[in-house]
Amino acid sequence: MIGIFMLALAGLTSVGAYLLGARRLGLRPARLGAAVGKTLETVGAVLIFLVANLVVAVPLVVALRAVTGTFVSVYVTDDTAWLGLSLLQGLAFQWWREASRKKAGALALEERGNLG
């Protein structure tokens, strides 16, 4: 029941955001598909960072146990903070890619003499 409530609420706020964007903010509905694609790219980057963080964390915990001789729990990898950190890493990486792509496109136009 909670899952249905959460999905219904997310659907309702998504419809509200769509209406606000299309009617009040002048966003083009035809570009929504591209925005969803960028969102999926970002989710992929977040998941890659999450897996990478956890793949590095577990052997590091084991190595710390061996080197220091003290017990370090593997449960430190079972924390929702990893998801938040991975989200920030994924967002920063995607924005970096996007900024680099725009810069490369602007340089290509400039080289062809199409910009200032």
PDB file of N, CA and C in Angstrom:
ATOM      1  N   MET A   1       0.810  -1.200   0.000  1.00  0.00           N
ATOM      2  CA  MET A   1       0.000   0.000   0.000  1.00  0.00           C
ATOM      3  C   MET A   1       0.861   1.275   0.000  1.00  0.00           C
ATOM      4  N   ILE A   2       1.967   1.218   0.765  1.00  0.00           N
ATOM      5  CA  ILE A   2       2.851   2.383   0.824  1.00  0.00           C
ATOM      6  C   ILE A   2       3.482   2.634  -0.542  1.00  0.00           C
ATOM      7  N   GLY A   3       3.855   1.546  -1.235  1.00  0.00           N
ATOM      8  CA  GLY A   3       4.456   1.684  -2.560  1.00  0.00           C
ATOM      9  C   GLY A   3       3.502   2.342  -3.546  1.00  0.00           C
ATOM     10  N   ILE A   4       2.247   1.957  -3.508  1.00  0.00           N
ATOM     11  CA  ILE A   4       1.244   2.548  -4.403  1.00  0.00           C
ATOM     12  C   ILE A   4       1.069   4.029  -4.080  1.00  0.00           C
ATOM     13  N   PHE A   5       1.024   4.349  -2.782  1.00  0.00           N
ATOM     14  CA  PHE A   5       0.895   5.745  -2.374  1.00  0.00           C
ATOM     15  C   PHE A   5       2.070   6.576  -2.883  1.00  0.00           C
ATOM     16  N   MET A   6       3.282   6.035  -2.734  1.00  0.00           N
ATOM     17  CA  MET A   6       4.475   6.767  -3.170  1.00  0.00           C
ATOM     18  C   MET A   6       4.466   6.981  -4.680  1.00  0.00           C
ATOM     19  N   LEU A   7       4.117   5.949  -5.442  1.00  0.00           N
ATOM     20  CA  LEU A   7       4.055   6.079  -6.901  1.00  0.00           C
ATOM     21  C   LEU A   7       2.979   7.069  -7.322  1.00  0.00           C
ATOM     22  N   ALA A   8       1.820   7.016  -6.672  1.00  0.00           N
ATOM     23  CA  ALA A   8       0.733   7.943  -7.001  1.00  0.00           C
ATOM     24  C   ALA A   8       1.139   9.381  -6.701  1.00  0.00           C
ATOM     25  N   LEU A   9       1.781   9.584  -5.572  1.00  0.00           N
ATOM     26  CA  LEU A   9       2.229  10.933  -5.210  1.00  0.00           C
ATOM     27  C   LEU A   9       3.282  11.449  -6.182  1.00  0.00           C
ATOM     28  N   ALA A  10       4.235  10.581  -6.547  1.00  0.00           N
ATOM     29  CA  ALA A  10       5.264  10.979  -7.515  1.00  0.00           C
ATOM     30  C   ALA A  10       4.629  11.285  -8.868  1.00  0.00           C
ATOM     31  N   GLY A  11       3.640  10.489  -9.269  1.00  0.00           N
ATOM     32  CA  GLY A  11       2.941  10.755 -10.522  1.00  0.00           C
ATOM     33  C   GLY A  11       2.203  12.077 -10.487  1.00  0.00           C
ATOM     34  N   LEU A  12       1.555  12.358  -9.362  1.00  0.00           N
ATOM     35  CA  LEU A  12       0.809  13.612  -9.225  1.00  0.00           C
ATOM     36  C   LEU A  12       1.737  14.824  -9.276  1.00  0.00           C
ATOM     37  N   THR A  13       2.859  14.766  -8.563  1.00  0.00           N
ATOM     38  CA  THR A  13       3.789  15.895  -8.596  1.00  0.00           C
ATOM     39  C   THR A  13       4.458  16.028  -9.963  1.00  0.00           C
ATOM     40  N   SER A  14       4.648  14.909 -10.657  1.00  0.00           N
ATOM     41  CA  SER A  14       5.218  14.968 -12.008  1.00  0.00           C
ATOM     42  C   SER A  14       4.263  15.649 -12.978  1.00  0.00           C
ATOM     43  N   VAL A  15       2.981  15.315 -12.877  1.00  0.00           N
ATOM     44  CA  VAL A  15       1.974  15.975 -13.726  1.00  0.00           C
ATOM     45  C   VAL A  15       1.920  17.461 -13.394  1.00  0.00           C
ATOM     46  N   GLY A  16       1.972  17.793 -12.110  1.00  0.00           N
ATOM     47  CA  GLY A  16       1.985  19.204 -11.712  1.00  0.00           C
ATOM     48  C   GLY A  16       3.195  19.939 -12.255  1.00  0.00           C
ATOM     49  N   ALA A  17       4.362  19.302 -12.200  1.00  0.00           N
ATOM     50  CA  ALA A  17       5.584  19.923 -12.732  1.00  0.00           C
ATOM     51  C   ALA A  17       5.492  20.093 -14.243  1.00  0.00           C
ATOM     52  N   TYR A  18       4.920  19.104 -14.915  1.00  0.00           N
ATOM     53  CA  TYR A  18       4.739  19.200 -16.369  1.00  0.00           C
ATOM     54  C   TYR A  18       3.847  20.386 -16.720  1.00  0.00           C
ATOM     55  N   LEU A  19       2.717  20.500 -16.034  1.00  0.00           N
ATOM     56  CA  LEU A  19       1.797  21.598 -16.311  1.00  0.00           C
ATOM     57  C   LEU A  19       2.433  22.947 -15.999  1.00  0.00           C
ATOM     58  N   LEU A  20       3.135  23.043 -14.894  1.00  0.00           N
ATOM     59  CA  LEU A  20       3.824  24.279 -14.541  1.00  0.00           C
ATOM     60  C   LEU A  20       4.877  24.635 -15.590  1.00  0.00           C
ATOM     61  N   GLY A  21       5.668  23.648 -15.975  1.00  0.00           N
ATOM     62  CA  GLY A  21       6.719  23.897 -16.959  1.00  0.00           C
ATOM     63  C   GLY A  21       6.175  24.289 -18.318  1.00  0.00           C
ATOM     64  N   ALA A  22       5.148  23.579 -18.771  1.00  0.00           N
ATOM     65  CA  ALA A  22       4.611  23.830 -20.110  1.00  0.00           C
ATOM     66  C   ALA A  22       3.792  25.124 -20.177  1.00  0.00           C
ATOM     67  N   ARG A  23       3.015  25.379 -19.157  1.00  0.00           N
ATOM     68  CA  ARG A  23       2.099  26.530 -19.206  1.00  0.00           C
ATOM     69  C   ARG A  23       2.691  27.809 -18.649  1.00  0.00           C
ATOM     70  N   ARG A  24       3.423  27.719 -17.574  1.00  0.00           N
ATOM     71  CA  ARG A  24       3.921  28.933 -16.902  1.00  0.00           C
ATOM     72  C   ARG A  24       5.357  29.282 -17.257  1.00  0.00           C
ATOM     73  N   LEU A  25       6.183  28.271 -17.418  1.00  0.00           N
ATOM     74  CA  LEU A  25       7.606  28.526 -17.635  1.00  0.00           C
ATOM     75  C   LEU A  25       8.006  28.502 -19.105  1.00  0.00           C
ATOM     76  N   GLY A  26       7.085  28.135 -19.971  1.00  0.00           N
ATOM     77  CA  GLY A  26       7.358  28.134 -21.398  1.00  0.00           C
ATOM     78  C   GLY A  26       8.262  27.011 -21.877  1.00  0.00           C
ATOM     79  N   LEU A  27       8.343  25.932 -21.108  1.00  0.00           N
ATOM     80  CA  LEU A  27       9.160  24.794 -21.531  1.00  0.00           C
ATOM     81  C   LEU A  27       8.434  24.034 -22.635  1.00  0.00           C
ATOM     82  N   ARG A  28       9.201  23.575 -23.626  1.00  0.00           N
ATOM     83  CA  ARG A  28       8.598  22.870 -24.756  1.00  0.00           C
ATOM     84  C   ARG A  28       8.347  21.408 -24.390  1.00  0.00           C
ATOM     85  N   PRO A  29       7.094  20.969 -24.476  1.00  0.00           N
ATOM     86  CA  PRO A  29       6.783  19.575 -24.162  1.00  0.00           C
ATOM     87  C   PRO A  29       7.552  18.572 -25.036  1.00  0.00           C
ATOM     88  N   ALA A  30       7.889  18.959 -26.247  1.00  0.00           N
ATOM     89  CA  ALA A  30       8.604  18.055 -27.149  1.00  0.00           C
ATOM     90  C   ALA A  30      10.011  17.729 -26.636  1.00  0.00           C
ATOM     91  N   ARG A  31      10.554  18.538 -25.771  1.00  0.00           N
ATOM     92  CA  ARG A  31      11.904  18.320 -25.236  1.00  0.00           C
ATOM     93  C   ARG A  31      11.908  17.474 -23.969  1.00  0.00           C
ATOM     94  N   LEU A  32      10.731  17.052 -23.509  1.00  0.00           N
ATOM     95  CA  LEU A  32      10.647  16.247 -22.293  1.00  0.00           C
ATOM     96  C   LEU A  32      11.361  14.904 -22.461  1.00  0.00           C
ATOM     97  N   GLY A  33      11.277  14.324 -23.630  1.00  0.00           N
ATOM     98  CA  GLY A  33      11.965  13.055 -23.884  1.00  0.00           C
ATOM     99  C   GLY A  33      13.472  13.181 -23.736  1.00  0.00           C
ATOM    100  N   ALA A  34      14.028  14.274 -24.234  1.00  0.00           N
ATOM    101  CA  ALA A  34      15.472  14.513 -24.084  1.00  0.00           C
ATOM    102  C   ALA A  34      15.843  14.689 -22.614  1.00  0.00           C
ATOM    103  N   ALA A  35      14.968  15.358 -21.873  1.00  0.00           N
ATOM    104  CA  ALA A  35      15.220  15.554 -20.442  1.00  0.00           C
ATOM    105  C   ALA A  35      15.194  14.217 -19.696  1.00  0.00           C
ATOM    106  N   VAL A  36      14.263  13.343 -20.066  1.00  0.00           N
ATOM    107  CA  VAL A  36      14.201  12.020 -19.440  1.00  0.00           C
ATOM    108  C   VAL A  36      15.461  11.231 -19.780  1.00  0.00           C
ATOM    109  N   GLY A  37      15.938  11.351 -21.003  1.00  0.00           N
ATOM    110  CA  GLY A  37      17.179  10.688 -21.398  1.00  0.00           C
ATOM    111  C   GLY A  37      18.363  11.159 -20.569  1.00  0.00           C
ATOM    112  N   LYS A  38      18.466  12.472 -20.357  1.00  0.00           N
ATOM    113  CA  LYS A  38      19.547  13.017 -19.522  1.00  0.00           C
ATOM    114  C   LYS A  38      19.416  12.526 -18.082  1.00  0.00           C
ATOM    115  N   THR A  39      18.170  12.407 -17.611  1.00  0.00           N
ATOM    116  CA  THR A  39      17.941  11.899 -16.264  1.00  0.00           C
ATOM    117  C   THR A  39      18.440  10.464 -16.140  1.00  0.00           C
ATOM    118  N   LEU A  40      18.137   9.652 -17.139  1.00  0.00           N
ATOM    119  CA  LEU A  40      18.589   8.258 -17.103  1.00  0.00           C
ATOM    120  C   LEU A  40      20.109   8.163 -17.181  1.00  0.00           C
ATOM    121  N   GLU A  41      20.751   9.044 -17.945  1.00  0.00           N
ATOM    122  CA  GLU A  41      22.215   9.082 -17.981  1.00  0.00           C
ATOM    123  C   GLU A  41      22.769   9.391 -16.591  1.00  0.00           C
ATOM    124  N   THR A  42      22.140  10.339 -15.916  1.00  0.00           N
ATOM    125  CA  THR A  42      22.593  10.734 -14.590  1.00  0.00           C
ATOM    126  C   THR A  42      22.383   9.609 -13.582  1.00  0.00           C
ATOM    127  N   VAL A  43      21.235   8.935 -13.659  1.00  0.00           N
ATOM    128  CA  VAL A  43      20.988   7.791 -12.772  1.00  0.00           C
ATOM    129  C   VAL A  43      22.050   6.720 -12.999  1.00  0.00           C
ATOM    130  N   GLY A  44      22.401   6.490 -14.250  1.00  0.00           N
ATOM    131  CA  GLY A  44      23.459   5.525 -14.560  1.00  0.00           C
ATOM    132  C   GLY A  44      24.784   5.925 -13.947  1.00  0.00           C
ATOM    133  N   ALA A  45      25.124   7.209 -14.040  1.00  0.00           N
ATOM    134  CA  ALA A  45      26.385   7.686 -13.448  1.00  0.00           C
ATOM    135  C   ALA A  45      26.364   7.521 -11.934  1.00  0.00           C
ATOM    136  N   VAL A  46      25.229   7.823 -11.309  1.00  0.00           N
ATOM    137  CA  VAL A  46      25.105   7.673  -9.860  1.00  0.00           C
ATOM    138  C   VAL A  46      25.303   6.207  -9.466  1.00  0.00           C
ATOM    139  N   LEU A  47      24.679   5.299 -10.212  1.00  0.00           N
ATOM    140  CA  LEU A  47      24.810   3.870  -9.893  1.00  0.00           C
ATOM    141  C   LEU A  47      26.238   3.374 -10.093  1.00  0.00           C
ATOM    142  N   ILE A  48      26.912   3.875 -11.128  1.00  0.00           N
ATOM    143  CA  ILE A  48      28.311   3.494 -11.349  1.00  0.00           C
ATOM    144  C   ILE A  48      29.176   3.969 -10.182  1.00  0.00           C
ATOM    145  N   PHE A  49      28.963   5.200  -9.724  1.00  0.00           N
ATOM    146  CA  PHE A  49      29.727   5.696  -8.581  1.00  0.00           C
ATOM    147  C   PHE A  49      29.393   4.919  -7.314  1.00  0.00           C
ATOM    148  N   LEU A  50      28.126   4.550  -7.122  1.00  0.00           N
ATOM    149  CA  LEU A  50      27.748   3.771  -5.943  1.00  0.00           C
ATOM    150  C   LEU A  50      28.460   2.423  -5.928  1.00  0.00           C
ATOM    151  N   VAL A  51      28.429   1.731  -7.045  1.00  0.00           N
ATOM    152  CA  VAL A  51      29.099   0.427  -7.130  1.00  0.00           C
ATOM    153  C   VAL A  51      30.609   0.598  -6.932  1.00  0.00           C
ATOM    154  N   ALA A  52      31.189   1.605  -7.588  1.00  0.00           N
ATOM    155  CA  ALA A  52      32.636   1.828  -7.455  1.00  0.00           C
ATOM    156  C   ALA A  52      33.013   2.138  -6.007  1.00  0.00           C
ATOM    157  N   ASN A  53      32.230   2.975  -5.344  1.00  0.00           N
ATOM    158  CA  ASN A  53      32.523   3.301  -3.947  1.00  0.00           C
ATOM    159  C   ASN A  53      32.479   2.059  -3.065  1.00  0.00           C
ATOM    160  N   LEU A  54      31.473   1.216  -3.281  1.00  0.00           N
ATOM    161  CA  LEU A  54      31.348   0.020  -2.446  1.00  0.00           C
ATOM    162  C   LEU A  54      32.390  -1.032  -2.799  1.00  0.00           C
ATOM    163  N   VAL A  55      32.750  -1.132  -4.070  1.00  0.00           N
ATOM    164  CA  VAL A  55      33.779  -2.098  -4.477  1.00  0.00           C
ATOM    165  C   VAL A  55      35.136  -1.698  -3.893  1.00  0.00           C
ATOM    166  N   VAL A  56      35.387  -0.423  -3.754  1.00  0.00           N
ATOM    167  CA  VAL A  56      36.640   0.034  -3.150  1.00  0.00           C
ATOM    168  C   VAL A  56      36.562  -0.042  -1.626  1.00  0.00           C
ATOM    169  N   ALA A  57      35.396   0.234  -1.048  1.00  0.00           N
ATOM    170  CA  ALA A  57      35.261   0.303   0.412  1.00  0.00           C
ATOM    171  C   ALA A  57      35.466  -1.052   1.093  1.00  0.00           C
ATOM    172  N   VAL A  58      34.896  -2.107   0.544  1.00  0.00           N
ATOM    173  CA  VAL A  58      34.982  -3.416   1.216  1.00  0.00           C
ATOM    174  C   VAL A  58      36.425  -3.912   1.312  1.00  0.00           C
ATOM    175  N   PRO A  59      37.192  -3.943   0.222  1.00  0.00           N
ATOM    176  CA  PRO A  59      38.597  -4.365   0.373  1.00  0.00           C
ATOM    177  C   PRO A  59      39.405  -3.422   1.267  1.00  0.00           C
ATOM    178  N   LEU A  60      39.051  -2.142   1.257  1.00  0.00           N
ATOM    179  CA  LEU A  60      39.754  -1.194   2.116  1.00  0.00           C
ATOM    180  C   LEU A  60      39.496  -1.509   3.592  1.00  0.00           C
ATOM    181  N   VAL A  61      38.261  -1.860   3.920  1.00  0.00           N
ATOM    182  CA  VAL A  61      37.933  -2.244   5.295  1.00  0.00           C
ATOM    183  C   VAL A  61      38.733  -3.490   5.692  1.00  0.00           C
ATOM    184  N   VAL A  62      38.787  -4.466   4.807  1.00  0.00           N
ATOM    185  CA  VAL A  62      39.534  -5.700   5.088  1.00  0.00           C
ATOM    186  C   VAL A  62      41.028  -5.385   5.253  1.00  0.00           C
ATOM    187  N   ALA A  63      41.542  -4.512   4.404  1.00  0.00           N
ATOM    188  CA  ALA A  63      42.961  -4.132   4.502  1.00  0.00           C
ATOM    189  C   ALA A  63      43.239  -3.385   5.804  1.00  0.00           C
ATOM    190  N   LEU A  64      42.325  -2.516   6.213  1.00  0.00           N
ATOM    191  CA  LEU A  64      42.504  -1.793   7.475  1.00  0.00           C
ATOM    192  C   LEU A  64      42.524  -2.762   8.650  1.00  0.00           C
ATOM    193  N   ARG A  65      41.699  -3.793   8.580  1.00  0.00           N
ATOM    194  CA  ARG A  65      41.716  -4.820   9.630  1.00  0.00           C
ATOM    195  C   ARG A  65      43.092  -5.478   9.710  1.00  0.00           C
ATOM    196  N   ALA A  66      43.640  -5.817   8.555  1.00  0.00           N
ATOM    197  CA  ALA A  66      44.921  -6.523   8.517  1.00  0.00           C
ATOM    198  C   ALA A  66      46.071  -5.630   8.954  1.00  0.00           C
ATOM    199  N   VAL A  67      46.074  -4.386   8.512  1.00  0.00           N
ATOM    200  CA  VAL A  67      47.192  -3.482   8.782  1.00  0.00           C
ATOM    201  C   VAL A  67      47.171  -2.975  10.220  1.00  0.00           C
ATOM    202  N   THR A  68      46.000  -2.576  10.704  1.00  0.00           N
ATOM    203  CA  THR A  68      45.933  -1.969  12.044  1.00  0.00           C
ATOM    204  C   THR A  68      45.745  -2.987  13.152  1.00  0.00           C
ATOM    205  N   GLY A  69      45.252  -4.172  12.817  1.00  0.00           N
ATOM    206  CA  GLY A  69      45.010  -5.177  13.838  1.00  0.00           C
ATOM    207  C   GLY A  69      43.762  -4.921  14.657  1.00  0.00           C
ATOM    208  N   THR A  70      43.043  -3.876  14.325  1.00  0.00           N
ATOM    209  CA  THR A  70      41.792  -3.582  15.032  1.00  0.00           C
ATOM    210  C   THR A  70      40.611  -3.977  14.153  1.00  0.00           C
ATOM    211  N   PHE A  71      39.507  -4.213  14.811  1.00  0.00           N
ATOM    212  CA  PHE A  71      38.316  -4.624  14.074  1.00  0.00           C
ATOM    213  C   PHE A  71      37.650  -3.406  13.452  1.00  0.00           C
ATOM    214  N   VAL A  72      37.468  -3.453  12.136  1.00  0.00           N
ATOM    215  CA  VAL A  72      36.708  -2.443  11.408  1.00  0.00           C
ATOM    216  C   VAL A  72      35.564  -3.180  10.749  1.00  0.00           C
ATOM    217  N   SER A  73      34.365  -2.757  11.035  1.00  0.00           N
ATOM    218  CA  SER A  73      33.181  -3.463  10.555  1.00  0.00           C
ATOM    219  C   SER A  73      32.907  -3.190   9.085  1.00  0.00           C
ATOM    220  N   VAL A  74      32.530  -4.247   8.378  1.00  0.00           N
ATOM    221  CA  VAL A  74      32.125  -4.094   6.977  1.00  0.00           C
ATOM    222  C   VAL A  74      30.771  -3.382   6.897  1.00  0.00           C
ATOM    223  N   TYR A  75      30.081  -3.311   8.036  1.00  0.00           N
ATOM    224  CA  TYR A  75      28.778  -2.640   8.064  1.00  0.00           C
ATOM    225  C   TYR A  75      28.878  -1.146   7.767  1.00  0.00           C
ATOM    226  N   VAL A  76      30.086  -0.577   7.766  1.00  0.00           N
ATOM    227  CA  VAL A  76      30.211   0.836   7.385  1.00  0.00           C
ATOM    228  C   VAL A  76      29.809   1.037   5.927  1.00  0.00           C
ATOM    229  N   THR A  77      29.818  -0.051   5.161  1.00  0.00           N
ATOM    230  CA  THR A  77      29.396   0.056   3.759  1.00  0.00           C
ATOM    231  C   THR A  77      27.875  -0.018   3.624  1.00  0.00           C
ATOM    232  N   ASP A  78      27.192  -0.347   4.722  1.00  0.00           N
ATOM    233  CA  ASP A  78      25.731  -0.470   4.713  1.00  0.00           C
ATOM    234  C   ASP A  78      25.107   0.801   5.288  1.00  0.00           C
ATOM    235  N   ASP A  79      25.380   1.911   4.653  1.00  0.00           N
ATOM    236  CA  ASP A  79      24.899   3.199   5.132  1.00  0.00           C
ATOM    237  C   ASP A  79      24.300   3.963   3.955  1.00  0.00           C
ATOM    238  N   THR A  80      23.180   4.608   4.179  1.00  0.00           N
ATOM    239  CA  THR A  80      22.536   5.359   3.097  1.00  0.00           C
ATOM    240  C   THR A  80      23.355   6.583   2.676  1.00  0.00           C
ATOM    241  N   ALA A  81      24.325   6.962   3.495  1.00  0.00           N
ATOM    242  CA  ALA A  81      25.186   8.088   3.120  1.00  0.00           C
ATOM    243  C   ALA A  81      25.935   7.798   1.824  1.00  0.00           C
ATOM    244  N   TRP A  82      26.237   6.525   1.554  1.00  0.00           N
ATOM    245  CA  TRP A  82      26.911   6.156   0.297  1.00  0.00           C
ATOM    246  C   TRP A  82      26.070   6.588  -0.901  1.00  0.00           C
ATOM    247  N   LEU A  83      24.751   6.418  -0.792  1.00  0.00           N
ATOM    248  CA  LEU A  83      23.867   6.812  -1.889  1.00  0.00           C
ATOM    249  C   LEU A  83      23.902   8.325  -2.095  1.00  0.00           C
ATOM    250  N   GLY A  84      23.872   9.082  -1.000  1.00  0.00           N
ATOM    251  CA  GLY A  84      23.941  10.541  -1.105  1.00  0.00           C
ATOM    252  C   GLY A  84      25.251  11.010  -1.700  1.00  0.00           C
ATOM    253  N   LEU A  85      26.350  10.427  -1.249  1.00  0.00           N
ATOM    254  CA  LEU A  85      27.659  10.797  -1.791  1.00  0.00           C
ATOM    255  C   LEU A  85      27.771  10.425  -3.269  1.00  0.00           C
ATOM    256  N   SER A  86      27.258   9.247  -3.608  1.00  0.00           N
ATOM    257  CA  SER A  86      27.291   8.812  -5.009  1.00  0.00           C
ATOM    258  C   SER A  86      26.416   9.702  -5.877  1.00  0.00           C
ATOM    259  N   LEU A  87      25.302  10.168  -5.321  1.00  0.00           N
ATOM    260  CA  LEU A  87      24.444  11.104  -6.049  1.00  0.00           C
ATOM    261  C   LEU A  87      25.206  12.380  -6.373  1.00  0.00           C
ATOM    262  N   LEU A  88      25.906  12.922  -5.392  1.00  0.00           N
ATOM    263  CA  LEU A  88      26.685  14.141  -5.633  1.00  0.00           C
ATOM    264  C   LEU A  88      27.792  13.901  -6.659  1.00  0.00           C
ATOM    265  N   GLN A  89      28.468  12.758  -6.553  1.00  0.00           N
ATOM    266  CA  GLN A  89      29.519  12.436  -7.516  1.00  0.00           C
ATOM    267  C   GLN A  89      28.945  12.304  -8.926  1.00  0.00           C
ATOM    268  N   GLY A  90      27.832  11.590  -9.055  1.00  0.00           N
ATOM    269  CA  GLY A  90      27.216  11.388 -10.364  1.00  0.00           C
ATOM    270  C   GLY A  90      26.730  12.680 -10.976  1.00  0.00           C
ATOM    271  N   LEU A  91      26.107  13.544 -10.163  1.00  0.00           N
ATOM    272  CA  LEU A  91      25.638  14.838 -10.669  1.00  0.00           C
ATOM    273  C   LEU A  91      26.801  15.707 -11.129  1.00  0.00           C
ATOM    274  N   ALA A  92      27.838  15.769 -10.309  1.00  0.00           N
ATOM    275  CA  ALA A  92      29.011  16.578 -10.681  1.00  0.00           C
ATOM    276  C   ALA A  92      29.638  16.053 -11.966  1.00  0.00           C
ATOM    277  N   PHE A  93      29.745  14.729 -12.080  1.00  0.00           N
ATOM    278  CA  PHE A  93      30.338  14.138 -13.276  1.00  0.00           C
ATOM    279  C   PHE A  93      29.492  14.440 -14.510  1.00  0.00           C
ATOM    280  N   GLN A  94      28.165  14.319 -14.405  1.00  0.00           N
ATOM    281  CA  GLN A  94      27.292  14.594 -15.547  1.00  0.00           C
ATOM    282  C   GLN A  94      27.348  16.062 -15.956  1.00  0.00           C
ATOM    283  N   TRP A  95      27.347  16.970 -14.980  1.00  0.00           N
ATOM    284  CA  TRP A  95      27.444  18.395 -15.308  1.00  0.00           C
ATOM    285  C   TRP A  95      28.796  18.716 -15.938  1.00  0.00           C
ATOM    286  N   TRP A  96      29.837  18.057 -15.496  1.00  0.00           N
ATOM    287  CA  TRP A  96      31.166  18.243 -16.075  1.00  0.00           C
ATOM    288  C   TRP A  96      31.157  17.786 -17.523  1.00  0.00           C
ATOM    289  N   ARG A  97      30.580  16.603 -17.785  1.00  0.00           N
ATOM    290  CA  ARG A  97      30.474  16.103 -19.160  1.00  0.00           C
ATOM    291  C   ARG A  97      29.681  17.078 -20.034  1.00  0.00           C
ATOM    292  N   GLU A  98      28.562  17.564 -19.509  1.00  0.00           N
ATOM    293  CA  GLU A  98      27.705  18.469 -20.272  1.00  0.00           C
ATOM    294  C   GLU A  98      28.423  19.788 -20.572  1.00  0.00           C
ATOM    295  N   ALA A  99      29.114  20.328 -19.569  1.00  0.00           N
ATOM    296  CA  ALA A  99      29.850  21.578 -19.770  1.00  0.00           C
ATOM    297  C   ALA A  99      30.972  21.390 -20.780  1.00  0.00           C
ATOM    298  N   SER A 100      31.649  20.252 -20.733  1.00  0.00           N
ATOM    299  CA  SER A 100      32.728  19.979 -21.684  1.00  0.00           C
ATOM    300  C   SER A 100      32.185  19.807 -23.088  1.00  0.00           C
ATOM    301  N   ARG A 101      31.024  19.172 -23.198  1.00  0.00           N
ATOM    302  CA  ARG A 101      30.390  18.968 -24.501  1.00  0.00           C
ATOM    303  C   ARG A 101      29.985  20.305 -25.120  1.00  0.00           C
ATOM    304  N   LYS A 102      29.418  21.192 -24.311  1.00  0.00           N
ATOM    305  CA  LYS A 102      29.004  22.512 -24.811  1.00  0.00           C
ATOM    306  C   LYS A 102      30.217  23.334 -25.219  1.00  0.00           C
ATOM    307  N   LYS A 103      31.282  23.261 -24.420  1.00  0.00           N
ATOM    308  CA  LYS A 103      32.510  23.992 -24.733  1.00  0.00           C
ATOM    309  C   LYS A 103      33.115  23.476 -26.031  1.00  0.00           C
ATOM    310  N   ALA A 104      33.117  22.160 -26.225  1.00  0.00           N
ATOM    311  CA  ALA A 104      33.662  21.581 -27.451  1.00  0.00           C
ATOM    312  C   ALA A 104      32.823  22.008 -28.656  1.00  0.00           C
ATOM    313  N   GLY A 105      31.498  22.044 -28.489  1.00  0.00           N
ATOM    314  CA  GLY A 105      30.627  22.470 -29.580  1.00  0.00           C
ATOM    315  C   GLY A 105      30.835  23.931 -29.943  1.00  0.00           C
ATOM    316  N   ALA A 106      31.007  24.781 -28.926  1.00  0.00           N
ATOM    317  CA  ALA A 106      31.245  26.201 -29.171  1.00  0.00           C
ATOM    318  C   ALA A 106      32.587  26.412 -29.862  1.00  0.00           C
ATOM    319  N   LEU A 107      33.605  25.651 -29.462  1.00  0.00           N
ATOM    320  CA  LEU A 107      34.918  25.773 -30.107  1.00  0.00           C
ATOM    321  C   LEU A 107      34.858  25.326 -31.561  1.00  0.00           C
ATOM    322  N   ALA A 108      34.101  24.266 -31.838  1.00  0.00           N
ATOM    323  CA  ALA A 108      33.977  23.784 -33.209  1.00  0.00           C
ATOM    324  C   ALA A 108      33.284  24.822 -34.082  1.00  0.00           C
ATOM    325  N   LEU A 109      32.245  25.466 -33.549  1.00  0.00           N
ATOM    326  CA  LEU A 109      31.563  26.515 -34.307  1.00  0.00           C
ATOM    327  C   LEU A 109      32.488  27.707 -34.552  1.00  0.00           C
ATOM    328  N   GLU A 110      33.252  28.058 -33.540  1.00  0.00           N
ATOM    329  CA  GLU A 110      34.183  29.185 -33.668  1.00  0.00           C
ATOM    330  C   GLU A 110      35.243  28.898 -34.717  1.00  0.00           C
ATOM    331  N   GLU A 111      35.752  27.663 -34.753  1.00  0.00           N
ATOM    332  CA  GLU A 111      36.771  27.288 -35.733  1.00  0.00           C
ATOM    333  C   GLU A 111      36.228  27.357 -37.142  1.00  0.00           C
ATOM    334  N   ARG A 112      34.946  27.077 -37.323  1.00  0.00           N
ATOM    335  CA  ARG A 112      34.320  27.166 -38.647  1.00  0.00           C
ATOM    336  C   ARG A 112      33.919  28.584 -39.008  1.00  0.00           C
ATOM    337  N   GLY A 113      34.117  29.504 -38.072  1.00  0.00           N
ATOM    338  CA  GLY A 113      33.805  30.892 -38.339  1.00  0.00           C
ATOM    339  C   GLY A 113      32.339  31.245 -38.150  1.00  0.00           C
ATOM    340  N   ASN A 114      31.598  30.414 -37.425  1.00  0.00           N
ATOM    341  CA  ASN A 114      30.183  30.671 -37.209  1.00  0.00           C
ATOM    342  C   ASN A 114      29.882  31.460 -35.966  1.00  0.00           C
ATOM    343  N   LEU A 115      30.886  31.710 -35.127  1.00  0.00           N
ATOM    344  CA  LEU A 115      30.689  32.491 -33.911  1.00  0.00           C
ATOM    345  C   LEU A 115      31.655  33.644 -33.899  1.00  0.00           C
ATOM    346  N   GLY A 116      31.224  34.714 -33.238  1.00  0.00           N
ATOM    347  CA  GLY A 116      31.938  35.944 -33.002  1.00  0.00           C
ATOM    348  C   GLY A 116      33.354  35.921 -33.296  1.00  0.00           C
TER     349      GLY A 116
END
